[in-house]
Each structure stands twice: as structure tokens, then as C-alpha cells.
Amino acid sequence: MRFGAGNAGRGLAVAALLTGVVTGCAEAGQDREASAKASATTRATAEVAARGGSIGADGSACELPVTFDIAESWKAEAVDAAAQGGGTGDEPTDELADALLRQGPVTMACEVDAKPAGKIGFLRVWTGRPGDADARAVLEDFVTAESAASGATYRTFRAGDLTGAEVEYVTTSELLEETKTERALAVTTPDGPVVLHLGGMDTEEHEAMLPAYELARNTLRATG
């Protein structure tokens, strides 16, 4: 940009403005970098629960397209959505069962109950049919299907041979007028997408169950 001698004052003002913009962008970039580093540090130092077994393989409590370790004392149980009226996408479904057992593009396949470990909540596994959608798209559809969800923050992660997407968000109960934190991750496999979701009765219970979620996330592998 050119400035004439008569525009010296304006030139100085524009220069100052540009300097402020550059400085602001640099500071914003530094903030994002610091946030990313803080997230990485939190992840690196996150507590991981003691292993209680694994699920996903043939013959395990839940046979899935992925395998992962579950926390000590947590109990896994397979969910037959079709038998409970939730269907799998083709046959008629019971409306209430379908609302509970299907979310976006995936259907509930397994519940890992924290109650035997003294906590209130589940690590739930949802599976879908093979397709072209990537893990981020599957996860976004999953969260969008939760009408009370807001404030979703997405990131990528890698575990073993799998690369996927992870999200943290909050849900709001209109009845209780309370919000709570939830987390989920998604990966795609040749047998279809898989979503792992950690809820909890409230945010306090959710945070207490995070070590079990971290264990599952860190040990996630494709079956076979």
C-alpha cells in the first residue's frame, strides 16, 4: 500500500493499526498453542485405571469391531438392540427403544457398568454400518443427535493402529436445570464406525470415571 506525503498521519495510524492486528494475532496464536500444550500435558498425566480385563474379541462379554481394556471391577454386558426394539436400521422399531438405543448413525452394542466399582455411570459402546463417513463426521452426527448437547470441542487422537476423533461437551437437563460434562470418541473400522461414550450421573461422577475412559482409549485396537 502506498501513502503520499500528505497522508503521513494516516499512514502512521494505519501502521499502528496493523501492528495491533499482528500483535493480536500473535497473541491469539500463542493462546491456542498454550491451550494445545496444556491439553497435551493433561492427557499425558491423566490417571489411568487398573486393568480388569478386556472386551471386543470373540468370546468376550461384548464382541465388537474393536478391543479395549476395561477398568477393574467394571462389568461389561452386550446390548442386543434389535431384540429390545431398537432395530438396526431396516426393520420396524419401537419408538422409545429406538430413542434410547440409537443415536445418530450408531446403535448401542455394549454397556460397561461402573456400579460394581462404586461409581454411577456407564462407558457405552455404539456401532454402525460400514460407510464412507470418517470418524469426525460420525462423532459430530452422534453429538448433534443429542438435543441437549452444547459447547462441543473436538480433537484427533491416535491409539495403536487407530486414528480417530474425540469430543468433550456438556448436556443440560431442563428438568434439573443442571449441566454435566460428557466425553466420546469415534474410530472407523472395516466393520463400521465405533463410538465410545462416557456419561455419568453428574460432572463429579464423570470426572471420577475418567481413569476408566483413559484406560479404554489408550488400549483401543481394531479387532483381529
C-alpha atoms as a PDB file:
ATOM      1  CA  MET A   1       0.000   0.000   0.000  1.00  0.00           C
ATOM      2  CA  ARG A   2       1.353   3.468  -0.966  1.00  0.00           C
ATOM      3  CA  PHE A   3       0.984   6.625   1.091  1.00  0.00           C
ATOM      4  CA  GLY A   4       1.702  10.187  -0.149  1.00  0.00           C
ATOM      5  CA  ALA A   5       3.409  12.895   1.890  1.00  0.00           C
ATOM      6  CA  GLY A   6       0.029  14.435   2.720  1.00  0.00           C
ATOM      7  CA  ASN A   7      -1.114  11.121   4.178  1.00  0.00           C
ATOM      8  CA  ALA A   8       1.737  10.715   6.641  1.00  0.00           C
ATOM      9  CA  GLY A   9      -0.568  10.947   9.652  1.00  0.00           C
ATOM     10  CA  ARG A  10      -2.942   8.450   8.142  1.00  0.00           C
ATOM     11  CA  GLY A  11      -0.012   6.186   7.291  1.00  0.00           C
ATOM     12  CA  LEU A  12       1.155   6.193  10.895  1.00  0.00           C
ATOM     13  CA  ALA A  13      -2.349   5.435  12.112  1.00  0.00           C
ATOM     14  CA  VAL A  14      -2.723   2.527   9.665  1.00  0.00           C
ATOM     15  CA  ALA A  15       0.711   1.227  10.611  1.00  0.00           C
ATOM     16  CA  ALA A  16      -0.234   1.316  14.269  1.00  0.00           C
ATOM     17  CA  LEU A  17      -3.478  -0.474  13.493  1.00  0.00           C
ATOM     18  CA  LEU A  18      -1.691  -3.162  11.509  1.00  0.00           C
ATOM     19  CA  THR A  19       0.830  -3.575  14.313  1.00  0.00           C
ATOM     20  CA  GLY A  20      -2.046  -4.089  16.740  1.00  0.00           C
ATOM     21  CA  VAL A  21      -3.667  -6.662  14.445  1.00  0.00           C
ATOM     22  CA  VAL A  22      -0.409  -8.573  14.021  1.00  0.00           C
ATOM     23  CA  THR A  23       0.223  -8.453  17.751  1.00  0.00           C
ATOM     24  CA  GLY A  24      -3.320  -9.620  18.465  1.00  0.00           C
ATOM     25  CA  CYS A  25      -2.992 -12.499  16.003  1.00  0.00           C
ATOM     26  CA  ALA A  26       0.339 -13.486  17.519  1.00  0.00           C
ATOM     27  CA  GLU A  27      -1.146 -13.430  20.992  1.00  0.00           C
ATOM     28  CA  ALA A  28      -4.151 -15.458  19.812  1.00  0.00           C
ATOM     29  CA  GLY A  29      -1.782 -17.964  18.231  1.00  0.00           C
ATOM     30  CA  GLN A  30       0.202 -18.160  21.454  1.00  0.00           C
ATOM     31  CA  ASP A  31      -3.016 -18.696  23.410  1.00  0.00           C
ATOM     32  CA  ARG A  32      -4.037 -21.543  21.092  1.00  0.00           C
ATOM     33  CA  GLU A  33      -0.575 -23.062  21.335  1.00  0.00           C
ATOM     34  CA  ALA A  34      -0.629 -22.796  25.125  1.00  0.00           C
ATOM     35  CA  SER A  35      -4.088 -24.358  25.195  1.00  0.00           C
ATOM     36  CA  ALA A  36      -2.924 -27.231  22.989  1.00  0.00           C
ATOM     37  CA  LYS A  37       0.145 -27.764  25.171  1.00  0.00           C
ATOM     38  CA  ALA A  38      -1.994 -27.705  28.310  1.00  0.00           C
ATOM     39  CA  SER A  39      -4.353 -30.263  26.773  1.00  0.00           C
ATOM     40  CA  ALA A  40      -1.425 -32.481  25.814  1.00  0.00           C
ATOM     41  CA  THR A  41       0.046 -32.180  29.298  1.00  0.00           C
ATOM     42  CA  THR A  42      -3.296 -33.045  30.881  1.00  0.00           C
ATOM     43  CA  ARG A  43      -3.617 -36.073  28.608  1.00  0.00           C
ATOM     44  CA  ALA A  44      -0.058 -37.199  29.321  1.00  0.00           C
ATOM     45  CA  THR A  45      -0.549 -37.015  33.075  1.00  0.00           C
ATOM     46  CA  ALA A  46      -4.141 -38.304  33.155  1.00  0.00           C
ATOM     47  CA  GLU A  47      -4.777 -41.053  35.661  1.00  0.00           C
ATOM     48  CA  VAL A  48      -5.422 -44.462  34.110  1.00  0.00           C
ATOM     49  CA  ALA A  49      -7.486 -47.075  35.932  1.00  0.00           C
ATOM     50  CA  ALA A  50      -6.187 -50.504  36.873  1.00  0.00           C
ATOM     51  CA  ARG A  51      -7.000 -53.100  34.234  1.00  0.00           C
ATOM     52  CA  GLY A  52      -9.808 -55.517  34.990  1.00  0.00           C
ATOM     53  CA  GLY A  53      -9.960 -57.383  31.681  1.00  0.00           C
ATOM     54  CA  SER A  54     -10.697 -56.659  28.039  1.00  0.00           C
ATOM     55  CA  ILE A  55     -13.696 -56.800  25.711  1.00  0.00           C
ATOM     56  CA  GLY A  56     -14.289 -56.827  21.982  1.00  0.00           C
ATOM     57  CA  ALA A  57     -12.667 -60.101  20.956  1.00  0.00           C
ATOM     58  CA  ASP A  58     -14.664 -63.227  20.119  1.00  0.00           C
ATOM     59  CA  GLY A  59     -15.852 -64.902  23.284  1.00  0.00           C
ATOM     60  CA  SER A  60     -15.643 -61.738  25.405  1.00  0.00           C
ATOM     61  CA  ALA A  61     -18.628 -60.151  27.140  1.00  0.00           C
ATOM     62  CA  CYS A  62     -19.093 -57.812  24.150  1.00  0.00           C
ATOM     63  CA  GLU A  63     -17.903 -58.834  20.686  1.00  0.00           C
ATOM     64  CA  LEU A  64     -17.035 -55.633  18.799  1.00  0.00           C
ATOM     65  CA  PRO A  65     -15.043 -54.280  15.832  1.00  0.00           C
ATOM     66  CA  VAL A  66     -12.509 -53.037  18.396  1.00  0.00           C
ATOM     67  CA  THR A  67     -10.960 -54.341  21.588  1.00  0.00           C
ATOM     68  CA  PHE A  68     -10.026 -52.380  24.692  1.00  0.00           C
ATOM     69  CA  ASP A  69      -9.325 -52.859  28.381  1.00  0.00           C
ATOM     70  CA  ILE A  70     -11.976 -52.136  30.979  1.00  0.00           C
ATOM     71  CA  ALA A  71     -11.314 -50.900  34.488  1.00  0.00           C
ATOM     72  CA  GLU A  72     -11.075 -53.202  37.470  1.00  0.00           C
ATOM     73  CA  SER A  73     -14.499 -54.183  38.870  1.00  0.00           C
ATOM     74  CA  TRP A  74     -16.401 -52.613  35.958  1.00  0.00           C
ATOM     75  CA  LYS A  75     -18.852 -55.046  34.351  1.00  0.00           C
ATOM     76  CA  ALA A  76     -19.494 -55.301  30.612  1.00  0.00           C
ATOM     77  CA  GLU A  77     -22.731 -56.547  29.109  1.00  0.00           C
ATOM     78  CA  ALA A  78     -23.698 -56.828  25.448  1.00  0.00           C
ATOM     79  CA  VAL A  79     -26.785 -54.942  24.266  1.00  0.00           C
ATOM     80  CA  ASP A  80     -28.998 -56.573  21.629  1.00  0.00           C
ATOM     81  CA  ALA A  81     -30.704 -53.502  20.210  1.00  0.00           C
ATOM     82  CA  ALA A  82     -32.828 -55.439  17.730  1.00  0.00           C
ATOM     83  CA  ALA A  83     -34.180 -57.746  20.434  1.00  0.00           C
ATOM     84  CA  GLN A  84     -35.111 -54.729  22.573  1.00  0.00           C
ATOM     85  CA  GLY A  85     -36.955 -53.000  19.754  1.00  0.00           C
ATOM     86  CA  GLY A  86     -34.213 -50.583  18.804  1.00  0.00           C
ATOM     87  CA  GLY A  87     -33.643 -52.211  15.454  1.00  0.00           C
ATOM     88  CA  THR A  88     -30.547 -51.943  13.304  1.00  0.00           C
ATOM     89  CA  GLY A  89     -31.818 -49.692  10.553  1.00  0.00           C
ATOM     90  CA  ASP A  90     -34.079 -51.897   8.388  1.00  0.00           C
ATOM     91  CA  GLU A  91     -36.810 -53.466  10.493  1.00  0.00           C
ATOM     92  CA  PRO A  92     -39.625 -51.587  12.298  1.00  0.00           C
ATOM     93  CA  THR A  93     -38.653 -50.272  15.707  1.00  0.00           C
ATOM     94  CA  ASP A  94     -40.266 -49.375  18.996  1.00  0.00           C
ATOM     95  CA  GLU A  95     -40.059 -45.576  19.162  1.00  0.00           C
ATOM     96  CA  LEU A  96     -38.952 -45.356  22.803  1.00  0.00           C
ATOM     97  CA  ALA A  97     -36.426 -48.177  22.483  1.00  0.00           C
ATOM     98  CA  ASP A  98     -35.085 -46.660  19.297  1.00  0.00           C
ATOM     99  CA  ALA A  99     -34.596 -43.300  21.018  1.00  0.00           C
ATOM    100  CA  LEU A 100     -32.604 -44.969  23.803  1.00  0.00           C
ATOM    101  CA  LEU A 101     -30.618 -47.424  21.719  1.00  0.00           C
ATOM    102  CA  ARG A 102     -29.829 -45.397  18.603  1.00  0.00           C
ATOM    103  CA  GLN A 103     -28.018 -42.066  18.423  1.00  0.00           C
ATOM    104  CA  GLY A 104     -27.199 -40.549  15.075  1.00  0.00           C
ATOM    105  CA  PRO A 105     -25.545 -43.152  12.837  1.00  0.00           C
ATOM    106  CA  VAL A 106     -24.794 -45.715  15.566  1.00  0.00           C
ATOM    107  CA  THR A 107     -26.624 -48.244  17.741  1.00  0.00           C
ATOM    108  CA  MET A 108     -25.755 -49.234  21.294  1.00  0.00           C
ATOM    109  CA  ALA A 109     -23.859 -52.524  21.377  1.00  0.00           C
ATOM    110  CA  CYS A 110     -22.345 -52.732  24.863  1.00  0.00           C
ATOM    111  CA  GLU A 111     -22.602 -51.181  28.321  1.00  0.00           C
ATOM    112  CA  VAL A 112     -19.724 -51.211  30.798  1.00  0.00           C
ATOM    113  CA  ASP A 113     -21.241 -50.525  34.207  1.00  0.00           C
ATOM    114  CA  ALA A 114     -19.260 -48.601  36.834  1.00  0.00           C
ATOM    115  CA  LYS A 115     -21.598 -49.552  39.674  1.00  0.00           C
ATOM    116  CA  PRO A 116     -19.568 -52.576  40.865  1.00  0.00           C
ATOM    117  CA  ALA A 117     -16.623 -50.170  41.257  1.00  0.00           C
ATOM    118  CA  GLY A 118     -18.690 -47.823  43.413  1.00  0.00           C
ATOM    119  CA  LYS A 119     -19.444 -45.200  40.758  1.00  0.00           C
ATOM    120  CA  ILE A 120     -22.648 -44.226  38.967  1.00  0.00           C
ATOM    121  CA  GLY A 121     -22.405 -44.277  35.201  1.00  0.00           C
ATOM    122  CA  PHE A 122     -21.536 -46.257  32.106  1.00  0.00           C
ATOM    123  CA  LEU A 123     -18.945 -46.452  29.387  1.00  0.00           C
ATOM    124  CA  ARG A 124     -21.159 -47.287  26.413  1.00  0.00           C
ATOM    125  CA  VAL A 125     -20.093 -48.646  23.032  1.00  0.00           C
ATOM    126  CA  TRP A 126     -22.080 -47.792  19.899  1.00  0.00           C
ATOM    127  CA  THR A 127     -21.510 -49.356  16.491  1.00  0.00           C
ATOM    128  CA  GLY A 128     -22.662 -48.560  12.958  1.00  0.00           C
ATOM    129  CA  ARG A 129     -22.644 -49.966   9.476  1.00  0.00           C
ATOM    130  CA  PRO A 130     -19.635 -49.630   7.170  1.00  0.00           C
ATOM    131  CA  GLY A 131     -19.663 -46.498   5.039  1.00  0.00           C
ATOM    132  CA  ASP A 132     -17.639 -43.584   3.743  1.00  0.00           C
ATOM    133  CA  ALA A 133     -18.025 -41.259   6.754  1.00  0.00           C
ATOM    134  CA  ASP A 134     -14.834 -40.541   8.665  1.00  0.00           C
ATOM    135  CA  ALA A 135     -14.531 -40.674  12.441  1.00  0.00           C
ATOM    136  CA  ARG A 136     -15.028 -36.916  12.906  1.00  0.00           C
ATOM    137  CA  ALA A 137     -18.230 -36.925  10.839  1.00  0.00           C
ATOM    138  CA  VAL A 138     -19.594 -39.908  12.765  1.00  0.00           C
ATOM    139  CA  LEU A 139     -18.810 -38.225  16.079  1.00  0.00           C
ATOM    140  CA  GLU A 140     -20.369 -34.933  15.023  1.00  0.00           C
ATOM    141  CA  ASP A 141     -23.563 -36.747  13.998  1.00  0.00           C
ATOM    142  CA  PHE A 142     -23.563 -38.580  17.331  1.00  0.00           C
ATOM    143  CA  VAL A 143     -23.297 -35.350  19.325  1.00  0.00           C
ATOM    144  CA  THR A 144     -25.784 -33.487  17.136  1.00  0.00           C
ATOM    145  CA  ALA A 145     -28.343 -36.225  17.761  1.00  0.00           C
ATOM    146  CA  GLU A 146     -28.163 -35.367  21.492  1.00  0.00           C
ATOM    147  CA  SER A 147     -30.566 -32.442  21.613  1.00  0.00           C
ATOM    148  CA  ALA A 148     -29.273 -31.190  24.969  1.00  0.00           C
ATOM    149  CA  ALA A 149     -25.609 -31.109  23.884  1.00  0.00           C
ATOM    150  CA  SER A 150     -23.634 -27.881  23.538  1.00  0.00           C
ATOM    151  CA  GLY A 151     -20.103 -26.498  23.681  1.00  0.00           C
ATOM    152  CA  ALA A 152     -18.537 -29.418  21.810  1.00  0.00           C
ATOM    153  CA  THR A 153     -14.743 -29.324  21.472  1.00  0.00           C
ATOM    154  CA  TYR A 154     -13.219 -31.802  19.005  1.00  0.00           C
ATOM    155  CA  ARG A 155      -9.678 -33.094  18.582  1.00  0.00           C
ATOM    156  CA  THR A 156      -7.920 -36.019  16.922  1.00  0.00           C
ATOM    157  CA  PHE A 157      -6.223 -38.868  18.754  1.00  0.00           C
ATOM    158  CA  ARG A 158      -4.235 -41.976  17.956  1.00  0.00           C
ATOM    159  CA  ALA A 159      -4.265 -45.294  19.796  1.00  0.00           C
ATOM    160  CA  GLY A 160      -2.237 -48.184  18.414  1.00  0.00           C
ATOM    161  CA  ASP A 161      -3.259 -48.738  14.796  1.00  0.00           C
ATOM    162  CA  LEU A 162      -6.291 -46.462  15.023  1.00  0.00           C
ATOM    163  CA  THR A 163      -6.675 -42.727  14.428  1.00  0.00           C
ATOM    164  CA  GLY A 164      -9.949 -41.168  15.445  1.00  0.00           C
ATOM    165  CA  ALA A 165     -11.791 -38.152  16.771  1.00  0.00           C
ATOM    166  CA  GLU A 166     -12.608 -37.226  20.359  1.00  0.00           C
ATOM    167  CA  VAL A 167     -15.068 -34.726  21.796  1.00  0.00           C
ATOM    168  CA  GLU A 168     -15.853 -33.119  25.140  1.00  0.00           C
ATOM    169  CA  TYR A 169     -19.196 -31.372  25.563  1.00  0.00           C
ATOM    170  CA  VAL A 170     -21.907 -30.586  28.095  1.00  0.00           C
ATOM    171  CA  THR A 171     -25.539 -31.593  28.288  1.00  0.00           C
ATOM    172  CA  THR A 172     -28.242 -29.642  30.064  1.00  0.00           C
ATOM    173  CA  SER A 173     -31.174 -31.140  31.939  1.00  0.00           C
ATOM    174  CA  GLU A 174     -34.200 -28.879  31.661  1.00  0.00           C
ATOM    175  CA  LEU A 175     -35.878 -30.782  34.477  1.00  0.00           C
ATOM    176  CA  LEU A 176     -32.976 -30.423  36.938  1.00  0.00           C
ATOM    177  CA  GLU A 177     -31.655 -27.175  35.438  1.00  0.00           C
ATOM    178  CA  GLU A 178     -28.149 -28.599  35.641  1.00  0.00           C
ATOM    179  CA  THR A 179     -25.353 -29.213  33.169  1.00  0.00           C
ATOM    180  CA  LYS A 180     -22.871 -32.060  33.138  1.00  0.00           C
ATOM    181  CA  THR A 181     -19.735 -32.919  31.184  1.00  0.00           C
ATOM    182  CA  GLU A 182     -19.624 -35.846  28.772  1.00  0.00           C
ATOM    183  CA  ARG A 183     -16.955 -37.308  26.510  1.00  0.00           C
ATOM    184  CA  ALA A 184     -16.934 -39.558  23.482  1.00  0.00           C
ATOM    185  CA  LEU A 185     -14.536 -40.805  20.842  1.00  0.00           C
ATOM    186  CA  ALA A 186     -15.032 -42.400  17.457  1.00  0.00           C
ATOM    187  CA  VAL A 187     -12.977 -44.558  15.113  1.00  0.00           C
ATOM    188  CA  THR A 188     -13.791 -46.234  11.831  1.00  0.00           C
ATOM    189  CA  THR A 189     -13.042 -49.875  11.064  1.00  0.00           C
ATOM    190  CA  PRO A 190     -13.720 -52.172   8.086  1.00  0.00           C
ATOM    191  CA  ASP A 191     -16.743 -53.419  10.038  1.00  0.00           C
ATOM    192  CA  GLY A 192     -18.120 -49.924  10.567  1.00  0.00           C
ATOM    193  CA  PRO A 193     -17.704 -46.978  12.936  1.00  0.00           C
ATOM    194  CA  VAL A 194     -17.402 -47.354  16.706  1.00  0.00           C
ATOM    195  CA  VAL A 195     -18.209 -44.703  19.312  1.00  0.00           C
ATOM    196  CA  LEU A 196     -17.195 -44.943  22.976  1.00  0.00           C
ATOM    197  CA  HIS A 197     -19.159 -42.604  25.224  1.00  0.00           C
ATOM    198  CA  LEU A 198     -18.635 -41.749  28.886  1.00  0.00           C
ATOM    199  CA  GLY A 199     -21.513 -40.037  30.662  1.00  0.00           C
ATOM    200  CA  GLY A 200     -22.214 -40.138  34.380  1.00  0.00           C
ATOM    201  CA  MET A 201     -24.903 -39.030  36.789  1.00  0.00           C
ATOM    202  CA  ASP A 202     -23.250 -35.606  37.032  1.00  0.00           C
ATOM    203  CA  THR A 203     -19.938 -33.940  36.268  1.00  0.00           C
ATOM    204  CA  GLU A 204     -18.425 -35.110  39.559  1.00  0.00           C
ATOM    205  CA  GLU A 205     -19.198 -38.746  38.749  1.00  0.00           C
ATOM    206  CA  HIS A 206     -17.984 -38.208  35.199  1.00  0.00           C
ATOM    207  CA  GLU A 207     -14.628 -36.923  36.418  1.00  0.00           C
ATOM    208  CA  ALA A 208     -14.346 -39.830  38.851  1.00  0.00           C
ATOM    209  CA  MET A 209     -14.780 -42.269  35.951  1.00  0.00           C
ATOM    210  CA  LEU A 210     -12.248 -40.615  33.647  1.00  0.00           C
ATOM    211  CA  PRO A 211      -9.435 -43.062  34.540  1.00  0.00           C
ATOM    212  CA  ALA A 212     -11.581 -45.893  33.137  1.00  0.00           C
ATOM    213  CA  TYR A 213     -12.183 -43.890  29.960  1.00  0.00           C
ATOM    214  CA  GLU A 214      -8.455 -43.202  29.637  1.00  0.00           C
ATOM    215  CA  LEU A 215      -7.711 -46.912  30.007  1.00  0.00           C
ATOM    216  CA  ALA A 216     -10.189 -47.779  27.251  1.00  0.00           C
ATOM    217  CA  ARG A 217      -8.893 -45.018  24.993  1.00  0.00           C
ATOM    218  CA  ASN A 218      -5.216 -45.896  25.430  1.00  0.00           C
ATOM    219  CA  THR A 219      -5.755 -49.625  24.760  1.00  0.00           C
ATOM    220  CA  LEU A 220      -8.184 -49.282  21.845  1.00  0.00           C
ATOM    221  CA  ARG A 221      -7.258 -51.554  18.940  1.00  0.00           C
ATOM    222  CA  ALA A 222      -9.002 -52.943  15.861  1.00  0.00           C
ATOM    223  CA  THR A 223     -10.289 -56.478  16.462  1.00  0.00           C
ATOM    224  CA  GLY A 224      -8.244 -59.146  14.758  1.00  0.00           C
END
